[in-house]
C-alpha atoms as a PDB file:
ATOM      1  CA  MET A   1       0.009   0.001   0.004  1.00  0.00           C
ATOM      2  CA  SER A   2       1.414   3.400  -0.964  1.00  0.00           C
ATOM      3  CA  TYR A   3       1.661   6.128   1.607  1.00  0.00           C
ATOM      4  CA  LEU A   4       2.385   9.845   1.456  1.00  0.00           C
ATOM      5  CA  PHE A   5       3.381  11.931   4.515  1.00  0.00           C
ATOM      6  CA  LYS A   6       1.204  14.902   5.194  1.00  0.00           C
ATOM      7  CA  LEU A   7       3.445  17.993   5.171  1.00  0.00           C
ATOM      8  CA  GLN A   8       2.572  21.528   6.221  1.00  0.00           C
ATOM      9  CA  ASN A   9       3.582  24.381   3.912  1.00  0.00           C
ATOM     10  CA  TYR A  10       6.269  22.429   2.029  1.00  0.00           C
ATOM     11  CA  LYS A  11       8.034  24.422  -0.629  1.00  0.00           C
ATOM     12  CA  PRO A  12      11.046  23.101  -2.598  1.00  0.00           C
ATOM     13  CA  VAL A  13      14.209  25.069  -1.848  1.00  0.00           C
ATOM     14  CA  LEU A  14      15.559  24.543  -5.352  1.00  0.00           C
ATOM     15  CA  SER A  15      14.052  24.722  -8.831  1.00  0.00           C
ATOM     16  CA  LEU A  16      13.953  21.662 -11.076  1.00  0.00           C
ATOM     17  CA  GLN A  17      17.085  22.805 -12.941  1.00  0.00           C
ATOM     18  CA  GLN A  18      18.935  23.564  -9.750  1.00  0.00           C
ATOM     19  CA  THR A  19      17.912  20.180  -8.409  1.00  0.00           C
ATOM     20  CA  GLU A  20      19.354  18.346 -11.401  1.00  0.00           C
ATOM     21  CA  LEU A  21      22.561  20.308 -11.064  1.00  0.00           C
ATOM     22  CA  GLY A  22      22.693  19.467  -7.369  1.00  0.00           C
ATOM     23  CA  ILE A  23      22.153  15.758  -7.963  1.00  0.00           C
ATOM     24  CA  ALA A  24      25.063  15.658 -10.455  1.00  0.00           C
ATOM     25  CA  ARG A  25      27.393  17.469  -8.037  1.00  0.00           C
ATOM     26  CA  ILE A  26      26.472  15.383  -5.066  1.00  0.00           C
ATOM     27  CA  LYS A  27      26.945  12.056  -6.850  1.00  0.00           C
ATOM     28  CA  ASP A  28      30.301  13.048  -8.289  1.00  0.00           C
ATOM     29  CA  PHE A  29      31.641  14.572  -5.100  1.00  0.00           C
ATOM     30  CA  PHE A  30      30.502  11.945  -2.687  1.00  0.00           C
ATOM     31  CA  GLN A  31      31.688   8.872  -4.576  1.00  0.00           C
ATOM     32  CA  SER A  32      35.084  10.472  -4.969  1.00  0.00           C
ATOM     33  CA  ASN A  33      35.324  11.150  -1.235  1.00  0.00           C
ATOM     34  CA  LEU A  34      33.978   7.709  -0.302  1.00  0.00           C
ATOM     35  CA  SER A  35      36.527   5.925  -2.481  1.00  0.00           C
ATOM     36  CA  THR A  36      39.354   7.973  -0.929  1.00  0.00           C
ATOM     37  CA  GLU A  37      38.201   7.397   2.668  1.00  0.00           C
ATOM     38  CA  LEU A  38      37.871   3.601   2.301  1.00  0.00           C
ATOM     39  CA  CYS A  39      40.486   2.977  -0.438  1.00  0.00           C
ATOM     40  CA  LEU A  40      37.897   1.746  -2.918  1.00  0.00           C
ATOM     41  CA  ARG A  41      38.230   1.193  -6.635  1.00  0.00           C
ATOM     42  CA  ARG A  42      35.235   1.513  -8.960  1.00  0.00           C
ATOM     43  CA  VAL A  43      34.056  -1.665 -10.720  1.00  0.00           C
ATOM     44  CA  THR A  44      31.208  -2.480 -13.094  1.00  0.00           C
ATOM     45  CA  ALA A  45      28.259  -4.278 -11.552  1.00  0.00           C
ATOM     46  CA  PRO A  46      25.565  -6.584 -13.009  1.00  0.00           C
ATOM     47  CA  LEU A  47      21.925  -5.516 -13.311  1.00  0.00           C
ATOM     48  CA  PHE A  48      20.858  -9.209 -13.103  1.00  0.00           C
ATOM     49  CA  VAL A  49      22.267 -12.560 -11.990  1.00  0.00           C
ATOM     50  CA  LEU A  50      21.262 -16.199 -12.500  1.00  0.00           C
ATOM     51  CA  LYS A  51      18.544 -17.453 -10.204  1.00  0.00           C
ATOM     52  CA  GLY A  52      19.350 -20.246  -7.766  1.00  0.00           C
ATOM     53  CA  THR A  53      23.018 -19.365  -7.306  1.00  0.00           C
ATOM     54  CA  GLY A  54      22.486 -17.602  -3.993  1.00  0.00           C
ATOM     55  CA  ILE A  55      24.306 -14.517  -5.306  1.00  0.00           C
ATOM     56  CA  ASN A  56      21.266 -12.240  -5.222  1.00  0.00           C
ATOM     57  CA  ASP A  57      20.237 -10.765  -1.930  1.00  0.00           C
ATOM     58  CA  ASP A  58      16.846 -11.296  -0.340  1.00  0.00           C
ATOM     59  CA  LEU A  59      17.150  -8.264   2.010  1.00  0.00           C
ATOM     60  CA  ASN A  60      14.694  -8.918   4.841  1.00  0.00           C
ATOM     61  CA  GLY A  61      14.114 -12.439   3.485  1.00  0.00           C
ATOM     62  CA  VAL A  62      10.628 -11.873   2.080  1.00  0.00           C
ATOM     63  CA  GLU A  63      11.040  -9.539  -0.916  1.00  0.00           C
ATOM     64  CA  ARG A  64      10.494 -11.137  -4.342  1.00  0.00           C
ATOM     65  CA  ALA A  65      13.124 -10.559  -6.965  1.00  0.00           C
ATOM     66  CA  VAL A  66      12.020  -9.480 -10.457  1.00  0.00           C
ATOM     67  CA  THR A  67      12.593 -12.624 -12.608  1.00  0.00           C
ATOM     68  CA  PHE A  68      12.710 -13.202 -16.368  1.00  0.00           C
ATOM     69  CA  PRO A  69      13.651 -16.074 -18.748  1.00  0.00           C
ATOM     70  CA  ILE A  70      16.701 -15.842 -21.025  1.00  0.00           C
ATOM     71  CA  LYS A  71      15.602 -17.075 -24.444  1.00  0.00           C
ATOM     72  CA  ASP A  72      19.096 -17.848 -25.773  1.00  0.00           C
ATOM     73  CA  MET A  73      19.918 -19.931 -22.724  1.00  0.00           C
ATOM     74  CA  GLY A  74      16.968 -22.316 -22.853  1.00  0.00           C
ATOM     75  CA  ASP A  75      14.772 -20.017 -20.778  1.00  0.00           C
ATOM     76  CA  VAL A  76      16.957 -20.322 -17.726  1.00  0.00           C
ATOM     77  CA  LYS A  77      15.792 -17.713 -15.199  1.00  0.00           C
ATOM     78  CA  ALA A  78      17.656 -14.537 -14.283  1.00  0.00           C
ATOM     79  CA  GLU A  79      16.865 -12.170 -11.402  1.00  0.00           C
ATOM     80  CA  VAL A  80      17.257  -8.416 -11.280  1.00  0.00           C
ATOM     81  CA  VAL A  81      19.570  -7.724  -8.335  1.00  0.00           C
ATOM     82  CA  GLN A  82      18.120  -6.365  -5.102  1.00  0.00           C
ATOM     83  CA  SER A  83      21.548  -5.488  -3.736  1.00  0.00           C
ATOM     84  CA  LEU A  84      25.057  -6.728  -4.343  1.00  0.00           C
ATOM     85  CA  ALA A  85      26.392  -7.861  -0.984  1.00  0.00           C
ATOM     86  CA  LYS A  86      27.241 -11.342  -2.081  1.00  0.00           C
ATOM     87  CA  TRP A  87      28.336 -10.423  -5.623  1.00  0.00           C
ATOM     88  CA  LYS A  88      30.788  -7.898  -4.246  1.00  0.00           C
ATOM     89  CA  ARG A  89      32.441 -10.501  -2.016  1.00  0.00           C
ATOM     90  CA  LEU A  90      32.822 -12.852  -4.925  1.00  0.00           C
ATOM     91  CA  THR A  91      34.370  -9.976  -6.879  1.00  0.00           C
ATOM     92  CA  LEU A  92      36.867  -9.199  -4.134  1.00  0.00           C
ATOM     93  CA  ALA A  93      38.058 -12.834  -4.434  1.00  0.00           C
ATOM     94  CA  ALA A  94      38.185 -12.766  -8.191  1.00  0.00           C
ATOM     95  CA  TYR A  95      40.174  -9.586  -8.295  1.00  0.00           C
ATOM     96  CA  GLY A  96      42.534 -10.637  -5.460  1.00  0.00           C
ATOM     97  CA  VAL A  97      41.957  -7.424  -3.518  1.00  0.00           C
ATOM     98  CA  GLU A  98      44.225  -7.087  -0.489  1.00  0.00           C
ATOM     99  CA  ALA A  99      43.139  -6.262   3.078  1.00  0.00           C
ATOM    100  CA  GLY A 100      42.390  -2.584   3.716  1.00  0.00           C
ATOM    101  CA  ARG A 101      41.268  -1.997   0.115  1.00  0.00           C
ATOM    102  CA  GLY A 102      38.006  -2.640  -1.701  1.00  0.00           C
ATOM    103  CA  ILE A 103      35.571  -1.828  -4.453  1.00  0.00           C
ATOM    104  CA  TYR A 104      32.484   0.281  -5.007  1.00  0.00           C
ATOM    105  CA  THR A 105      29.889   0.358  -7.805  1.00  0.00           C
ATOM    106  CA  ASP A 106      26.765   2.055  -8.944  1.00  0.00           C
ATOM    107  CA  MET A 107      24.041  -0.426  -8.092  1.00  0.00           C
ATOM    108  CA  ASN A 108      20.712  -0.097  -9.920  1.00  0.00           C
ATOM    109  CA  ALA A 109      17.891  -2.356  -8.962  1.00  0.00           C
ATOM    110  CA  ILE A 110      14.147  -2.956  -9.133  1.00  0.00           C
ATOM    111  CA  ARG A 111      12.319  -3.819  -5.945  1.00  0.00           C
ATOM    112  CA  ALA A 112       8.789  -4.673  -6.968  1.00  0.00           C
ATOM    113  CA  ASP A 113       7.598  -5.343  -3.417  1.00  0.00           C
ATOM    114  CA  GLU A 114       8.414  -1.878  -2.047  1.00  0.00           C
ATOM    115  CA  GLU A 115       5.664   0.067  -0.361  1.00  0.00           C
ATOM    116  CA  LEU A 116       5.694   3.254  -2.409  1.00  0.00           C
ATOM    117  CA  GLY A 117       5.875   6.620  -0.694  1.00  0.00           C
ATOM    118  CA  ASN A 118       8.141   9.521   0.200  1.00  0.00           C
ATOM    119  CA  LEU A 119      11.112   7.254   0.949  1.00  0.00           C
ATOM    120  CA  HIS A 120      10.628   4.185  -1.279  1.00  0.00           C
ATOM    121  CA  SER A 121      10.183   3.650  -4.998  1.00  0.00           C
ATOM    122  CA  LEU A 122      10.406   0.672  -7.359  1.00  0.00           C
ATOM    123  CA  TYR A 123      13.813   1.929  -8.548  1.00  0.00           C
ATOM    124  CA  VAL A 124      16.812   1.686  -6.233  1.00  0.00           C
ATOM    125  CA  ASP A 125      20.161   3.390  -6.859  1.00  0.00           C
ATOM    126  CA  GLN A 126      22.946   3.194  -4.351  1.00  0.00           C
ATOM    127  CA  TRP A 127      26.676   3.032  -3.979  1.00  0.00           C
ATOM    128  CA  ASP A 128      27.443  -0.562  -3.098  1.00  0.00           C
ATOM    129  CA  TRP A 129      30.881  -0.930  -1.542  1.00  0.00           C
ATOM    130  CA  GLU A 130      32.935  -3.743  -0.043  1.00  0.00           C
ATOM    131  CA  GLN A 131      36.356  -3.780   1.653  1.00  0.00           C
ATOM    132  CA  VAL A 132      38.611  -6.730   2.477  1.00  0.00           C
ATOM    133  CA  ILE A 133      39.492  -6.993   6.161  1.00  0.00           C
ATOM    134  CA  ASN A 134      41.674  -9.082   8.423  1.00  0.00           C
ATOM    135  CA  PRO A 135      40.396 -11.545  11.020  1.00  0.00           C
ATOM    136  CA  GLN A 136      41.357  -9.116  13.853  1.00  0.00           C
ATOM    137  CA  ASP A 137      39.229  -6.446  12.200  1.00  0.00           C
ATOM    138  CA  ARG A 138      35.976  -8.217  12.987  1.00  0.00           C
ATOM    139  CA  THR A 139      35.280  -5.946  15.944  1.00  0.00           C
ATOM    140  CA  ILE A 140      32.771  -3.262  16.892  1.00  0.00           C
ATOM    141  CA  GLU A 141      35.523  -0.663  17.022  1.00  0.00           C
ATOM    142  CA  PHE A 142      36.560  -1.392  13.441  1.00  0.00           C
ATOM    143  CA  LEU A 143      32.932  -1.114  12.396  1.00  0.00           C
ATOM    144  CA  LYS A 144      32.671   2.297  14.209  1.00  0.00           C
ATOM    145  CA  ASN A 145      35.840   3.578  12.600  1.00  0.00           C
ATOM    146  CA  THR A 146      34.534   2.715   9.218  1.00  0.00           C
ATOM    147  CA  VAL A 147      31.229   4.497   9.918  1.00  0.00           C
ATOM    148  CA  ARG A 148      33.220   7.583  11.012  1.00  0.00           C
ATOM    149  CA  LYS A 149      35.075   7.636   7.685  1.00  0.00           C
ATOM    150  CA  ILE A 150      31.784   7.437   5.756  1.00  0.00           C
ATOM    151  CA  TYR A 151      30.334  10.186   7.962  1.00  0.00           C
ATOM    152  CA  ALA A 152      33.364  12.390   7.237  1.00  0.00           C
ATOM    153  CA  ALA A 153      32.592  12.093   3.521  1.00  0.00           C
ATOM    154  CA  LEU A 154      28.987  13.070   4.308  1.00  0.00           C
ATOM    155  CA  LEU A 155      30.056  16.232   6.104  1.00  0.00           C
ATOM    156  CA  ARG A 156      32.307  17.272   3.212  1.00  0.00           C
ATOM    157  CA  VAL A 157      29.565  16.838   0.621  1.00  0.00           C
ATOM    158  CA  GLU A 158      27.092  18.730   2.863  1.00  0.00           C
ATOM    159  CA  TYR A 159      29.527  21.604   2.974  1.00  0.00           C
ATOM    160  CA  SER A 160      29.950  21.487  -0.806  1.00  0.00           C
ATOM    161  CA  VAL A 161      26.190  21.702  -1.322  1.00  0.00           C
ATOM    162  CA  SER A 162      25.869  24.679   1.014  1.00  0.00           C
ATOM    163  CA  GLU A 163      28.635  26.424  -0.968  1.00  0.00           C
ATOM    164  CA  SER A 164      26.818  25.747  -4.267  1.00  0.00           C
ATOM    165  CA  PHE A 165      23.358  26.627  -2.902  1.00  0.00           C
ATOM    166  CA  PRO A 166      23.697  29.126   0.004  1.00  0.00           C
ATOM    167  CA  GLU A 167      19.939  28.800   0.697  1.00  0.00           C
ATOM    168  CA  ILE A 168      20.626  25.274   2.058  1.00  0.00           C
ATOM    169  CA  LYS A 169      22.220  25.492   5.480  1.00  0.00           C
ATOM    170  CA  PRO A 170      24.266  22.615   6.929  1.00  0.00           C
ATOM    171  CA  CYS A 171      22.488  20.706   9.686  1.00  0.00           C
ATOM    172  CA  LEU A 172      24.628  17.639  10.430  1.00  0.00           C
ATOM    173  CA  PRO A 173      26.592  17.502  13.728  1.00  0.00           C
ATOM    174  CA  ALA A 174      30.393  17.223  13.784  1.00  0.00           C
ATOM    175  CA  GLN A 175      30.242  13.626  15.096  1.00  0.00           C
ATOM    176  CA  ILE A 176      27.925  10.617  14.622  1.00  0.00           C
ATOM    177  CA  THR A 177      26.510   8.970  17.677  1.00  0.00           C
ATOM    178  CA  PHE A 178      26.502   5.175  18.201  1.00  0.00           C
ATOM    179  CA  VAL A 179      23.805   3.185  19.913  1.00  0.00           C
ATOM    180  CA  HIS A 180      22.920  -0.513  19.996  1.00  0.00           C
ATOM    181  CA  ALA A 181      19.380  -1.586  19.106  1.00  0.00           C
ATOM    182  CA  GLU A 182      19.079  -3.224  22.551  1.00  0.00           C
ATOM    183  CA  GLU A 183      19.998   0.047  24.239  1.00  0.00           C
ATOM    184  CA  LEU A 184      17.302   1.790  22.189  1.00  0.00           C
ATOM    185  CA  ARG A 185      14.772  -0.841  23.305  1.00  0.00           C
ATOM    186  CA  LEU A 186      15.668  -0.268  26.947  1.00  0.00           C
ATOM    187  CA  LEU A 187      15.526   3.500  26.524  1.00  0.00           C
ATOM    188  CA  TYR A 188      12.128   3.466  24.814  1.00  0.00           C
ATOM    189  CA  PRO A 189      10.417   0.150  25.753  1.00  0.00           C
ATOM    190  CA  ASN A 190       6.948   1.368  24.805  1.00  0.00           C
ATOM    191  CA  LEU A 191       7.865   2.579  21.338  1.00  0.00           C
ATOM    192  CA  THR A 192       8.208   0.687  18.025  1.00  0.00           C
ATOM    193  CA  PRO A 193      11.707   0.311  16.577  1.00  0.00           C
ATOM    194  CA  LYS A 194      11.077   3.101  14.022  1.00  0.00           C
ATOM    195  CA  GLU A 195       9.748   5.398  16.750  1.00  0.00           C
ATOM    196  CA  ARG A 196      12.851   4.659  18.805  1.00  0.00           C
ATOM    197  CA  GLU A 197      15.076   5.586  15.909  1.00  0.00           C
ATOM    198  CA  SER A 198      13.234   8.880  15.419  1.00  0.00           C
ATOM    199  CA  GLU A 199      13.391   9.823  19.104  1.00  0.00           C
ATOM    200  CA  TYR A 200      17.096   9.185  19.218  1.00  0.00           C
ATOM    201  CA  ALA A 201      17.882  10.758  15.861  1.00  0.00           C
ATOM    202  CA  LYS A 202      15.918  13.882  16.827  1.00  0.00           C
ATOM    203  CA  LYS A 203      18.185  14.276  19.876  1.00  0.00           C
ATOM    204  CA  TYR A 204      21.544  13.495  18.219  1.00  0.00           C
ATOM    205  CA  LYS A 205      20.840  14.336  14.524  1.00  0.00           C
ATOM    206  CA  ALA A 206      23.150  11.623  13.136  1.00  0.00           C
ATOM    207  CA  ILE A 207      23.199   8.100  14.613  1.00  0.00           C
ATOM    208  CA  PHE A 208      24.379   4.586  13.850  1.00  0.00           C
ATOM    209  CA  VAL A 209      22.153   1.851  15.229  1.00  0.00           C
ATOM    210  CA  ILE A 210      24.155  -1.347  15.813  1.00  0.00           C
ATOM    211  CA  GLY A 211      22.898  -4.915  15.883  1.00  0.00           C
ATOM    212  CA  ILE A 212      20.043  -5.215  13.359  1.00  0.00           C
ATOM    213  CA  GLY A 213      18.717  -8.670  12.367  1.00  0.00           C
ATOM    214  CA  GLY A 214      18.877 -10.701  15.521  1.00  0.00           C
ATOM    215  CA  SER A 215      16.296 -10.938  18.337  1.00  0.00           C
ATOM    216  CA  LEU A 216      16.507  -8.390  21.157  1.00  0.00           C
ATOM    217  CA  GLY A 217      15.867  -8.935  24.834  1.00  0.00           C
ATOM    218  CA  ASP A 218      12.093  -9.039  24.274  1.00  0.00           C
ATOM    219  CA  GLY A 219      12.407 -11.710  21.602  1.00  0.00           C
ATOM    220  CA  LYS A 220      11.670  -9.266  18.790  1.00  0.00           C
ATOM    221  CA  LYS A 221      13.918  -7.936  16.028  1.00  0.00           C
ATOM    222  CA  HIS A 222      14.674  -4.269  15.625  1.00  0.00           C
ATOM    223  CA  ASP A 223      14.444  -4.922  11.842  1.00  0.00           C
ATOM    224  CA  GLY A 224      15.007  -7.811   9.505  1.00  0.00           C
ATOM    225  CA  ARG A 225      18.251  -8.855   7.824  1.00  0.00           C
ATOM    226  CA  ALA A 226      18.996 -11.835   5.635  1.00  0.00           C
ATOM    227  CA  PRO A 227      21.141 -14.442   7.330  1.00  0.00           C
ATOM    228  CA  ASP A 228      23.918 -14.627   4.796  1.00  0.00           C
ATOM    229  CA  TYR A 229      25.572 -11.244   4.427  1.00  0.00           C
ATOM    230  CA  ASP A 230      25.724  -9.055   7.575  1.00  0.00           C
ATOM    231  CA  ASP A 231      26.939 -10.621  10.826  1.00  0.00           C
ATOM    232  CA  TRP A 232      24.144  -9.820  13.325  1.00  0.00           C
ATOM    233  CA  SER A 233      24.749 -12.739  15.726  1.00  0.00           C
ATOM    234  CA  THR A 234      28.371 -12.515  16.881  1.00  0.00           C
ATOM    235  CA  VAL A 235      28.636 -11.025  20.407  1.00  0.00           C
ATOM    236  CA  SER A 236      31.141  -8.164  20.223  1.00  0.00           C
ATOM    237  CA  GLU A 237      33.282  -6.402  22.818  1.00  0.00           C
ATOM    238  CA  ASN A 238      30.319  -4.230  23.862  1.00  0.00           C
ATOM    239  CA  GLY A 239      28.538  -7.326  25.104  1.00  0.00           C
ATOM    240  CA  PHE A 240      25.728  -7.152  22.575  1.00  0.00           C
ATOM    241  CA  PRO A 241      25.261  -9.269  19.422  1.00  0.00           C
ATOM    242  CA  GLY A 242      25.793  -7.801  16.018  1.00  0.00           C
ATOM    243  CA  LEU A 243      28.568  -6.316  13.893  1.00  0.00           C
ATOM    244  CA  ASN A 244      26.317  -4.394  11.604  1.00  0.00           C
ATOM    245  CA  GLY A 245      23.911  -1.459  11.597  1.00  0.00           C
ATOM    246  CA  ASP A 246      22.289   1.516   9.864  1.00  0.00           C
ATOM    247  CA  ILE A 247      23.268   5.124   9.452  1.00  0.00           C
ATOM    248  CA  LEU A 248      20.288   7.352  10.207  1.00  0.00           C
ATOM    249  CA  LEU A 249      20.052  11.114   9.981  1.00  0.00           C
ATOM    250  CA  TRP A 250      17.404  13.455  11.406  1.00  0.00           C
ATOM    251  CA  ASN A 251      15.504  14.768   8.373  1.00  0.00           C
ATOM    252  CA  PRO A 252      14.425  18.376   8.951  1.00  0.00           C
ATOM    253  CA  VAL A 253      11.879  18.316   6.165  1.00  0.00           C
ATOM    254  CA  LEU A 254      10.071  15.112   7.087  1.00  0.00           C
ATOM    255  CA  GLU A 255      10.919  15.465  10.791  1.00  0.00           C
ATOM    256  CA  MET A 256      11.876  11.809  11.232  1.00  0.00           C
ATOM    257  CA  ALA A 257      14.843   9.454  11.307  1.00  0.00           C
ATOM    258  CA  PHE A 258      16.064   8.982   7.786  1.00  0.00           C
ATOM    259  CA  GLU A 259      17.955   5.816   6.821  1.00  0.00           C
ATOM    260  CA  LEU A 260      20.848   6.517   4.570  1.00  0.00           C
ATOM    261  CA  SER A 261      22.879   3.327   4.704  1.00  0.00           C
ATOM    262  CA  SER A 262      22.735  -0.306   5.763  1.00  0.00           C
ATOM    263  CA  MET A 263      26.153  -1.848   6.343  1.00  0.00           C
ATOM    264  CA  GLY A 264      28.187  -4.206   8.411  1.00  0.00           C
ATOM    265  CA  ILE A 265      30.974  -6.690   8.875  1.00  0.00           C
ATOM    266  CA  ARG A 266      30.028  -9.681   6.803  1.00  0.00           C
ATOM    267  CA  VAL A 267      29.491 -13.219   8.035  1.00  0.00           C
ATOM    268  CA  ASP A 268      32.423 -15.583   8.387  1.00  0.00           C
ATOM    269  CA  LYS A 269      31.832 -19.357   8.192  1.00  0.00           C
ATOM    270  CA  THR A 270      30.850 -19.599  11.833  1.00  0.00           C
ATOM    271  CA  ALA A 271      28.365 -16.723  11.738  1.00  0.00           C
ATOM    272  CA  LEU A 272      26.888 -17.898   8.435  1.00  0.00           C
ATOM    273  CA  LEU A 273      26.153 -21.431   9.700  1.00  0.00           C
ATOM    274  CA  LYS A 274      24.756 -20.041  12.964  1.00  0.00           C
ATOM    275  CA  GLN A 275      22.438 -17.510  11.188  1.00  0.00           C
ATOM    276  CA  LEU A 276      21.276 -20.027   8.617  1.00  0.00           C
ATOM    277  CA  GLU A 277      20.297 -22.290  11.476  1.00  0.00           C
ATOM    278  CA  LEU A 278      18.543 -19.494  13.431  1.00  0.00           C
ATOM    279  CA  GLU A 279      16.529 -18.463  10.364  1.00  0.00           C
ATOM    280  CA  GLY A 280      15.714 -22.024   9.191  1.00  0.00           C
ATOM    281  CA  LYS A 281      17.643 -21.518   5.926  1.00  0.00           C
ATOM    282  CA  ASN A 282      20.064 -24.445   6.044  1.00  0.00           C
ATOM    283  CA  GLU A 283      19.216 -25.384   2.483  1.00  0.00           C
ATOM    284  CA  ARG A 284      21.204 -22.408   1.298  1.00  0.00           C
ATOM    285  CA  LYS A 285      24.429 -24.133   2.303  1.00  0.00           C
ATOM    286  CA  ASP A 286      24.312 -25.931  -1.080  1.00  0.00           C
ATOM    287  CA  MET A 287      24.229 -22.700  -3.082  1.00  0.00           C
ATOM    288  CA  TYR A 288      27.281 -21.443  -4.957  1.00  0.00           C
ATOM    289  CA  PHE A 289      28.024 -18.400  -2.805  1.00  0.00           C
ATOM    290  CA  HIS A 290      27.494 -20.256   0.451  1.00  0.00           C
ATOM    291  CA  LYS A 291      29.701 -23.166  -0.583  1.00  0.00           C
ATOM    292  CA  ARG A 292      32.503 -20.730  -1.434  1.00  0.00           C
ATOM    293  CA  LEU A 293      32.243 -19.048   1.934  1.00  0.00           C
ATOM    294  CA  ILE A 294      32.102 -22.326   3.888  1.00  0.00           C
ATOM    295  CA  GLU A 295      35.110 -23.659   1.946  1.00  0.00           C
ATOM    296  CA  GLY A 296      37.089 -20.546   2.848  1.00  0.00           C
ATOM    297  CA  THR A 297      37.654 -19.277  -0.665  1.00  0.00           C
ATOM    298  CA  LEU A 298      36.057 -15.846  -0.056  1.00  0.00           C
ATOM    299  CA  PRO A 299      37.798 -13.018   1.840  1.00  0.00           C
ATOM    300  CA  LEU A 300      36.572 -11.562   5.111  1.00  0.00           C
ATOM    301  CA  SER A 301      34.945  -8.215   4.395  1.00  0.00           C
ATOM    302  CA  ILE A 302      32.910  -5.268   5.521  1.00  0.00           C
ATOM    303  CA  GLY A 303      30.505  -3.536   3.235  1.00  0.00           C
ATOM    304  CA  GLY A 304      27.175  -1.849   2.623  1.00  0.00           C
ATOM    305  CA  GLY A 305      25.025   0.303   0.453  1.00  0.00           C
ATOM    306  CA  ILE A 306      24.494   4.060   0.529  1.00  0.00           C
ATOM    307  CA  GLY A 307      21.365   5.393  -1.145  1.00  0.00           C
ATOM    308  CA  GLN A 308      22.166   7.794  -3.941  1.00  0.00           C
ATOM    309  CA  SER A 309      18.676   9.253  -4.250  1.00  0.00           C
ATOM    310  CA  ARG A 310      18.316   9.213  -0.438  1.00  0.00           C
ATOM    311  CA  LEU A 311      21.517  11.229  -0.041  1.00  0.00           C
ATOM    312  CA  CYS A 312      20.405  13.745  -2.690  1.00  0.00           C
ATOM    313  CA  MET A 313      16.952  13.931  -1.184  1.00  0.00           C
ATOM    314  CA  PHE A 314      18.357  14.768   2.235  1.00  0.00           C
ATOM    315  CA  LEU A 315      21.010  17.275   1.138  1.00  0.00           C
ATOM    316  CA  LEU A 316      18.733  19.114  -1.301  1.00  0.00           C
ATOM    317  CA  ARG A 317      15.921  19.215   1.273  1.00  0.00           C
ATOM    318  CA  LYS A 318      13.386  17.321  -0.716  1.00  0.00           C
ATOM    319  CA  ALA A 319      10.179  15.764   0.676  1.00  0.00           C
ATOM    320  CA  HIS A 320       9.831  12.906  -1.738  1.00  0.00           C
ATOM    321  CA  ILE A 321      12.285  10.563  -3.434  1.00  0.00           C
ATOM    322  CA  GLY A 322      10.399  11.118  -6.686  1.00  0.00           C
ATOM    323  CA  GLU A 323      11.755  14.685  -6.680  1.00  0.00           C
ATOM    324  CA  ILE A 324      15.196  13.130  -7.232  1.00  0.00           C
ATOM    325  CA  GLN A 325      14.611  10.083  -9.442  1.00  0.00           C
ATOM    326  CA  SER A 326      12.268   9.066 -12.224  1.00  0.00           C
ATOM    327  CA  SER A 327       9.999   6.163 -11.294  1.00  0.00           C
ATOM    328  CA  ILE A 328       6.386   4.963 -11.486  1.00  0.00           C
ATOM    329  CA  TRP A 329       3.768   6.082  -8.881  1.00  0.00           C
ATOM    330  CA  PRO A 330       0.079   5.430  -8.262  1.00  0.00           C
ATOM    331  CA  ALA A 331      -2.153   7.974  -9.939  1.00  0.00           C
ATOM    332  CA  GLN A 332      -3.488   9.192  -6.597  1.00  0.00           C
ATOM    333  CA  MET A 333       0.053   9.853  -5.394  1.00  0.00           C
ATOM    334  CA  TYR A 334       0.686  12.250  -8.280  1.00  0.00           C
ATOM    335  CA  LYS A 335      -2.457  14.209  -7.307  1.00  0.00           C
ATOM    336  CA  ASP A 336      -1.677  14.193  -3.612  1.00  0.00           C
ATOM    337  CA  CYS A 337       1.914  15.294  -4.210  1.00  0.00           C
ATOM    338  CA  GLU A 338       0.836  18.196  -6.391  1.00  0.00           C
ATOM    339  CA  LYS A 339      -1.425  19.430  -3.571  1.00  0.00           C
ATOM    340  CA  GLN A 340       1.579  19.571  -1.299  1.00  0.00           C
ATOM    341  CA  ASN A 341       3.915  21.368  -3.802  1.00  0.00           C
ATOM    342  CA  ILE A 342       5.766  18.098  -4.466  1.00  0.00           C
ATOM    343  CA  PHE A 343       6.532  17.796  -8.155  1.00  0.00           C
ATOM    344  CA  LEU A 344       7.648  14.266  -9.198  1.00  0.00           C
ATOM    345  CA  ILE A 345      10.216  13.885 -11.958  1.00  0.00           C
END
């Protein structure tokens, strides 16, 4: 079901032409800074992969991939990618990338099961990145240091936008604040996970929520994660499970926590087998990606995705992702958006 936030007196800060100029500048500037911070090299990514190999991601574990037959290969099925977490790790192995370095790519995807609205569309564009790490790097402190590097790139691109468009004032704090999902639950036991995120983000403006995918103290998950890319089960030095998380910013236009990135240290053999067991997905052990990981022929890594349209939406103070990217929307949404001065591309 599609949903549109009700906004009071929204007026775009930039014209359509200024918006397009801003999008181009943000994308060029940010990916350059991201690659420098994390020592990443750009690679070309697939739009689709073969079905049944285990390479495609199933995100929360329930989203259906867009599938089509390949005529010239006997109608074997291919799937449009949903993200590239597993593909990137295979690519790191194929390229022989050394520890401390990695890759990034422009990931374009179709997610047909998205609930359309201000934040979600059928079309997904993000920077997918992956970095090789050493066994001793599988710690919460290494995760935090990586988040800080990404956040440093965000601060620089925010400053660049304010220089290009003086009417847009910087709003991000100098530092990002870390909190575990279990700590959020204890702080706000009567709120939903999304409400907890908004309360905390409203206070600190930029936060990283650690430990997403496993059950919390009340037996419920903060949010879903597939069992075979992020490590959400390993107990780290902070005493809580999970070596992954989300970057969330306080969005001054929508007045809510705004997810910009999902990332984490990836599963090793032990975490993969444990998480497959916990999620009842042991049959995946026979898939190509999973076999490679269990056999030890894939490197340890950390990685994630950073929404391109999401970042532009935040920095250019837009109320709807359709003001940044061209997609398909329900007829009623076009009408409702126009009433709120939201003009979809």
